[in-house]
Amino acid sequence: MSATNTRVPFTPDADGDCPVREVLDRVGDKWSVSIVVLLGRRTHRFTELHRAIDGISQRMLTLTLRALVRDGLVSRTAHASVPPRVDYELTDLGRTLLVPLIALDEWASTHRDDIRAARQRHDQDAAAG
């Protein structure tokens, strides 16, 4: 196998769109992974998610949840109670996303030091030359 052949499939559809890019646009944003991982543990209310995710604004949490619901990864259940209560949980489709996210987390944990060392070598080489 040549150095440029990684055997990674690239499968754009008839319109030239790449399904991987479309999915990565959703789950690769700053907040979606955190939300999916939290909901993978159990159902959460909006305020629980907001407290659990450091640095996320209420507006960004709302927008991200709406997008995840629209994509079919999260379900939203509004309860007719006082005060109003809304629960968020992963759908069956959303639970399938946990498998690659866990694999990515394990890969990142295993290789974090390698990547940091490579960055340091690169930066030193760039500064020297």
Protein backbone atom coordinates (compact mmCIF):
# COMPACT_ATOMS: atom_id res chain seq x y z
CA MET A 1 0.00 0.00 0.00
CA SER A 2 1.32 3.43 -0.88
CA ALA A 3 1.77 6.16 1.70
CA THR A 4 -1.16 8.06 0.22
CA ASN A 5 -3.58 5.11 0.22
CA THR A 6 -5.05 4.93 3.69
CA ARG A 7 -7.99 2.73 2.69
CA VAL A 8 -10.31 5.27 4.26
CA PRO A 9 -13.51 5.31 2.24
CA PHE A 10 -14.68 8.57 0.79
CA THR A 11 -18.27 8.22 -0.26
CA PRO A 12 -19.82 11.45 -1.50
CA ASP A 13 -23.41 11.03 -2.62
CA ALA A 14 -24.79 11.93 -6.04
CA ASP A 15 -24.74 15.65 -5.18
CA GLY A 16 -21.08 15.47 -4.10
CA ASP A 17 -21.99 15.82 -0.42
CA CYS A 18 -20.00 13.76 2.02
CA PRO A 19 -22.13 12.16 4.76
CA VAL A 20 -19.15 12.13 7.12
CA ARG A 21 -18.76 15.90 6.80
CA GLU A 22 -22.45 16.42 7.50
CA VAL A 23 -22.33 14.32 10.66
CA LEU A 24 -19.03 15.82 11.83
CA ASP A 25 -20.53 19.28 11.46
CA ARG A 26 -23.07 18.28 14.10
CA VAL A 27 -21.07 16.15 16.52
CA GLY A 28 -17.80 17.97 15.98
CA ASP A 29 -18.97 21.26 17.39
CA LYS A 30 -17.87 22.48 20.77
CA TRP A 31 -20.91 21.37 22.79
CA SER A 32 -22.69 18.44 21.13
CA VAL A 33 -20.28 15.76 22.33
CA SER A 34 -20.56 16.91 25.95
CA ILE A 35 -24.35 16.86 25.73
CA VAL A 36 -24.46 13.42 24.09
CA VAL A 37 -22.06 11.97 26.67
CA LEU A 38 -24.07 13.37 29.57
CA LEU A 39 -27.33 12.12 28.11
CA GLY A 40 -25.66 8.75 27.56
CA ARG A 41 -25.50 8.41 31.32
CA ARG A 42 -29.15 9.31 32.00
CA THR A 43 -32.01 11.66 31.17
CA HIS A 44 -31.34 15.27 32.15
CA ARG A 45 -33.34 18.42 32.56
CA PHE A 46 -32.19 21.60 30.85
CA THR A 47 -30.90 23.14 34.08
CA GLU A 48 -28.97 19.96 34.94
CA LEU A 49 -27.25 20.07 31.57
CA HIS A 50 -26.52 23.76 31.97
CA ARG A 51 -24.92 23.22 35.37
CA ALA A 52 -22.94 20.18 34.20
CA ILE A 53 -21.38 21.78 31.11
CA ASP A 54 -18.87 24.39 32.16
CA GLY A 55 -18.89 27.51 30.02
CA ILE A 56 -22.01 26.90 27.93
CA SER A 57 -24.53 29.73 27.79
CA GLN A 58 -28.25 29.06 28.06
CA ARG A 59 -28.67 30.25 24.48
CA MET A 60 -25.98 27.91 23.13
CA LEU A 61 -27.37 24.99 25.12
CA THR A 62 -30.83 25.72 23.68
CA LEU A 63 -29.51 25.94 20.11
CA THR A 64 -27.42 22.78 20.43
CA LEU A 65 -30.27 20.80 21.97
CA ARG A 66 -32.62 21.95 19.21
CA ALA A 67 -30.14 20.80 16.57
CA LEU A 68 -29.63 17.42 18.28
CA VAL A 69 -33.41 16.97 18.52
CA ARG A 70 -33.82 17.95 14.86
CA ASP A 71 -31.14 15.42 13.87
CA GLY A 72 -32.97 12.68 15.79
CA LEU A 73 -30.18 12.13 18.30
CA VAL A 74 -32.00 13.56 21.34
CA SER A 75 -35.64 13.48 22.35
CA ARG A 76 -37.34 16.32 24.20
CA THR A 77 -40.25 15.57 26.51
CA ALA A 78 -42.24 18.47 27.94
CA HIS A 79 -44.27 17.64 31.04
CA ALA A 80 -47.42 19.59 31.88
CA SER A 81 -46.47 20.55 35.40
CA VAL A 82 -45.88 23.65 37.48
CA PRO A 83 -43.18 24.69 37.09
CA PRO A 84 -42.84 23.36 33.54
CA ARG A 85 -40.40 20.47 33.22
CA VAL A 86 -38.57 19.37 30.09
CA ASP A 87 -36.48 16.21 29.94
CA TYR A 88 -33.85 15.39 27.35
CA GLU A 89 -32.61 11.90 26.58
CA LEU A 90 -30.77 10.12 23.81
CA THR A 91 -32.84 8.39 21.17
CA ASP A 92 -31.91 4.94 19.93
CA LEU A 93 -30.01 6.67 17.13
CA GLY A 94 -28.26 8.93 19.64
CA ARG A 95 -27.17 5.91 21.70
CA THR A 96 -25.44 4.47 18.63
CA LEU A 97 -23.29 7.61 18.56
CA LEU A 98 -21.84 6.70 21.97
CA VAL A 99 -19.85 3.81 20.45
CA PRO A 100 -17.64 5.95 18.18
CA LEU A 101 -17.45 8.73 20.78
CA ILE A 102 -16.15 6.29 23.39
CA ALA A 103 -13.65 4.92 20.86
CA LEU A 104 -12.51 8.46 20.04
CA ASP A 105 -12.18 9.29 23.74
CA GLU A 106 -10.06 6.17 24.31
CA TRP A 107 -7.89 6.99 21.28
CA ALA A 108 -7.43 10.59 22.44
CA SER A 109 -6.53 9.50 25.97
CA THR A 110 -4.04 6.96 24.67
CA HIS A 111 -2.36 9.36 22.22
CA ARG A 112 -2.65 12.74 23.94
CA ASP A 113 0.96 12.72 25.12
CA ASP A 114 2.18 11.61 21.65
CA ILE A 115 0.33 14.50 20.04
CA ARG A 116 1.63 17.01 22.59
CA ALA A 117 5.20 15.77 22.02
CA ALA A 118 4.77 16.01 18.24
CA ARG A 119 3.46 19.57 18.57
CA GLN A 120 6.38 20.52 20.77
CA ARG A 121 8.90 19.04 18.28
CA HIS A 122 7.17 20.82 15.40
CA ASP A 123 7.14 24.16 17.19
CA GLN A 124 10.80 23.82 18.16
CA ASP A 125 11.74 22.92 14.57
CA ALA A 126 9.69 25.84 13.24
CA ALA A 127 11.33 28.25 15.68
CA ALA A 128 14.81 26.95 14.83
CA GLY A 129 14.43 27.11 11.10
